[in-house]
Amino acid sequence: MKQFRTFFIALALTLGATTFVNAQNSKVAHIATQELIESMPAYKDAMAQLDKLRNTYDAEIKDMMSEAQKTLQRYEAEAETVTEEENQKRSMELQSAEQRIRERSQKASQDLQKKQQDLVRPILEKARNAIQEVARAKGFDYVLDSTTGAGVIMADGYDLMPDVKTKLGI
């Protein structure tokens, strides 16, 4: 029984030492993923597409608002010359136009958000895959995101940015 206990203690110490040594041999690198993504040409193209779409929606909504404003001014100028019933009808028409503008603005916002997700998702995936490939090739066990606000306090270790940019051709 005493030999079994001695053997068990020796085994536990050996396993503990092995785990400690393996933990000490873990290689950790870091990369600022946001900076990497923003430097990718595909990301810049995607942002240009989104800006163009946003400008189109803004112009459309601005035109709708301008038209509603002109109608309001015309109705206000004519208010004294038309019946109360006609004024109420016009008021309802203006409220309806205002509602359409709000709905169009919300729809435009949703469309932009969906388009951004559709455009950015493949770029994020490409960056993630490149980071993984480079990290594995360099023998790193862990890669931390060193983007400001990502939670990494100090990033003095190996920076994968140059290697990943080379892999991506940027």
Protein backbone atom coordinates (compact mmCIF):
# COMPACT_ATOMS: atom_id res chain seq x y z
CA MET A 1 0.00 0.00 0.00
CA LYS A 2 2.84 2.34 0.86
CA GLN A 3 4.51 1.61 -2.50
CA PHE A 4 1.24 2.36 -4.30
CA ARG A 5 1.00 5.73 -2.51
CA THR A 6 4.62 6.55 -3.35
CA PHE A 7 4.04 5.57 -6.96
CA PHE A 8 0.87 7.71 -7.11
CA ILE A 9 2.69 10.75 -5.67
CA ALA A 10 5.57 10.30 -8.13
CA LEU A 11 3.11 10.00 -11.01
CA ALA A 12 1.24 13.16 -9.91
CA LEU A 13 4.51 15.11 -9.65
CA THR A 14 5.60 13.91 -13.10
CA LEU A 15 2.28 14.88 -14.67
CA GLY A 16 2.33 18.26 -12.93
CA ALA A 17 5.87 18.96 -14.10
CA THR A 18 5.01 17.92 -17.65
CA THR A 19 1.97 20.18 -17.70
CA PHE A 20 4.02 23.07 -16.31
CA VAL A 21 6.73 22.58 -18.93
CA ASN A 22 4.16 22.37 -21.73
CA ALA A 23 2.47 25.52 -20.48
CA GLN A 24 5.82 27.28 -20.49
CA ASN A 25 6.40 26.19 -24.08
CA SER A 26 3.11 27.57 -25.39
CA LYS A 27 3.84 30.20 -27.96
CA VAL A 28 1.64 33.27 -28.02
CA ALA A 29 1.50 35.96 -30.69
CA HIS A 30 -0.72 38.98 -31.20
CA ILE A 31 -2.25 40.90 -34.07
CA ALA A 32 -4.44 43.99 -34.33
CA THR A 33 -7.23 42.43 -36.39
CA GLN A 34 -9.13 45.67 -36.92
CA GLU A 35 -6.01 47.31 -38.36
CA LEU A 36 -5.42 44.27 -40.58
CA ILE A 37 -8.97 44.26 -41.91
CA GLU A 38 -8.97 48.00 -42.55
CA SER A 39 -5.75 47.66 -44.56
CA MET A 40 -7.24 45.04 -46.88
CA PRO A 41 -8.19 46.34 -50.35
CA ALA A 42 -11.42 44.30 -50.31
CA TYR A 43 -12.48 46.10 -47.13
CA LYS A 44 -11.78 49.50 -48.69
CA ASP A 45 -13.84 48.49 -51.74
CA ALA A 46 -16.68 47.30 -49.51
CA MET A 47 -16.69 50.59 -47.59
CA ALA A 48 -16.76 52.52 -50.89
CA GLN A 49 -19.78 50.47 -51.99
CA LEU A 50 -21.52 51.14 -48.70
CA ASP A 51 -20.79 54.87 -48.94
CA LYS A 52 -22.24 54.96 -52.45
CA LEU A 53 -25.37 53.13 -51.33
CA ARG A 54 -25.69 55.37 -48.25
CA ASN A 55 -25.43 58.48 -50.44
CA THR A 56 -28.14 57.11 -52.75
CA TYR A 57 -30.48 56.50 -49.82
CA ASP A 58 -29.67 59.91 -48.31
CA ALA A 59 -30.45 61.66 -51.60
CA GLU A 60 -33.72 59.74 -51.97
CA ILE A 61 -34.85 60.60 -48.44
CA LYS A 62 -33.76 64.21 -48.85
CA ASP A 63 -35.86 64.45 -52.03
CA MET A 64 -38.87 62.98 -50.21
CA MET A 65 -38.42 65.49 -47.38
CA SER A 66 -38.03 68.38 -49.81
CA GLU A 67 -41.21 67.38 -51.65
CA ALA A 68 -43.13 67.11 -48.36
CA GLN A 69 -41.83 70.54 -47.29
CA LYS A 70 -42.97 72.12 -50.57
CA THR A 71 -46.38 70.53 -50.21
CA LEU A 72 -46.65 71.79 -46.63
CA GLN A 73 -45.75 75.34 -47.69
CA ARG A 74 -48.29 75.24 -50.51
CA TYR A 75 -51.00 73.88 -48.21
CA GLU A 76 -50.25 76.52 -45.58
CA ALA A 77 -50.52 79.27 -48.20
CA GLU A 78 -53.86 77.89 -49.42
CA ALA A 79 -55.27 77.07 -45.98
CA GLU A 80 -57.42 80.24 -45.82
CA THR A 81 -58.99 79.60 -49.22
CA VAL A 82 -60.08 75.96 -48.79
CA THR A 83 -62.66 74.31 -46.57
CA GLU A 84 -61.91 72.91 -43.13
CA GLU A 85 -62.61 69.43 -44.49
CA GLU A 86 -60.00 69.95 -47.24
CA ASN A 87 -57.46 71.19 -44.65
CA GLN A 88 -58.01 68.06 -42.55
CA LYS A 89 -57.58 65.91 -45.64
CA ARG A 90 -54.34 67.71 -46.47
CA SER A 91 -53.12 67.32 -42.89
CA MET A 92 -53.70 63.57 -43.11
CA GLU A 93 -51.85 63.52 -46.43
CA LEU A 94 -48.85 65.27 -44.87
CA GLN A 95 -48.83 62.87 -41.92
CA SER A 96 -48.89 59.98 -44.36
CA ALA A 97 -45.95 61.47 -46.27
CA GLU A 98 -44.05 61.90 -42.99
CA GLN A 99 -44.74 58.26 -42.12
CA ARG A 100 -43.47 57.11 -45.55
CA ILE A 101 -40.27 59.09 -45.02
CA ARG A 102 -39.72 57.48 -41.60
CA GLU A 103 -40.39 54.02 -43.01
CA ARG A 104 -38.04 54.61 -45.94
CA SER A 105 -35.34 55.83 -43.58
CA GLN A 106 -35.69 52.74 -41.39
CA LYS A 107 -35.68 50.44 -44.43
CA ALA A 108 -32.58 52.16 -45.79
CA SER A 109 -30.83 51.72 -42.45
CA GLN A 110 -31.71 48.02 -42.37
CA ASP A 111 -30.61 47.55 -45.98
CA LEU A 112 -27.27 49.24 -45.26
CA GLN A 113 -26.70 47.08 -42.20
CA LYS A 114 -27.47 43.88 -44.13
CA LYS A 115 -25.29 44.95 -47.05
CA GLN A 116 -22.41 45.71 -44.67
CA GLN A 117 -22.70 42.26 -43.11
CA ASP A 118 -22.81 40.62 -46.53
CA LEU A 119 -19.76 42.55 -47.75
CA VAL A 120 -17.64 42.32 -44.60
CA ARG A 121 -18.28 38.69 -43.62
CA PRO A 122 -16.07 37.17 -46.37
CA ILE A 123 -13.33 39.70 -45.61
CA LEU A 124 -13.36 38.78 -41.92
CA GLU A 125 -13.28 35.09 -42.82
CA LYS A 126 -10.33 35.60 -45.17
CA ALA A 127 -8.41 37.51 -42.49
CA ARG A 128 -9.19 34.90 -39.85
CA ASN A 129 -8.07 32.07 -42.12
CA ALA A 130 -4.84 33.88 -42.99
CA ILE A 131 -4.11 34.53 -39.30
CA GLN A 132 -4.68 30.85 -38.50
CA GLU A 133 -2.50 29.64 -41.37
CA VAL A 134 0.38 31.96 -40.48
CA ALA A 135 0.12 31.18 -36.75
CA ARG A 136 0.20 27.45 -37.42
CA ALA A 137 3.09 27.79 -39.85
CA LYS A 138 5.05 29.81 -37.27
CA GLY A 139 4.18 27.33 -34.49
CA PHE A 140 2.02 29.59 -32.33
CA ASP A 141 -0.52 28.01 -30.01
CA TYR A 142 -2.49 31.19 -29.32
CA VAL A 143 -3.04 34.47 -31.13
CA LEU A 144 -4.46 37.38 -29.14
CA ASP A 145 -6.29 40.32 -30.70
CA SER A 146 -4.30 43.42 -29.76
CA THR A 147 -6.79 45.88 -31.26
CA THR A 148 -7.30 48.77 -28.85
CA GLY A 149 -10.08 47.89 -26.45
CA ALA A 150 -9.90 44.15 -27.19
CA GLY A 151 -8.66 43.34 -23.71
CA VAL A 152 -4.93 42.85 -24.30
CA ILE A 153 -3.09 45.10 -21.88
CA MET A 154 0.42 44.53 -23.16
CA ALA A 155 1.46 43.11 -26.51
CA ASP A 156 5.25 42.87 -26.52
CA GLY A 157 5.25 39.36 -27.97
CA TYR A 158 5.50 38.37 -31.59
CA ASP A 159 3.34 40.51 -33.90
CA LEU A 160 1.84 38.46 -36.74
CA MET A 161 0.74 41.55 -38.69
CA PRO A 162 3.64 41.65 -41.20
CA ASP A 163 3.41 37.91 -41.87
CA VAL A 164 -0.36 37.95 -42.35
CA LYS A 165 -0.19 41.00 -44.61
CA THR A 166 2.40 39.17 -46.72
CA LYS A 167 0.12 36.12 -46.84
CA LEU A 168 -2.79 38.31 -47.99
CA GLY A 169 -0.63 40.21 -50.47
CA ILE A 170 -1.07 43.63 -48.87
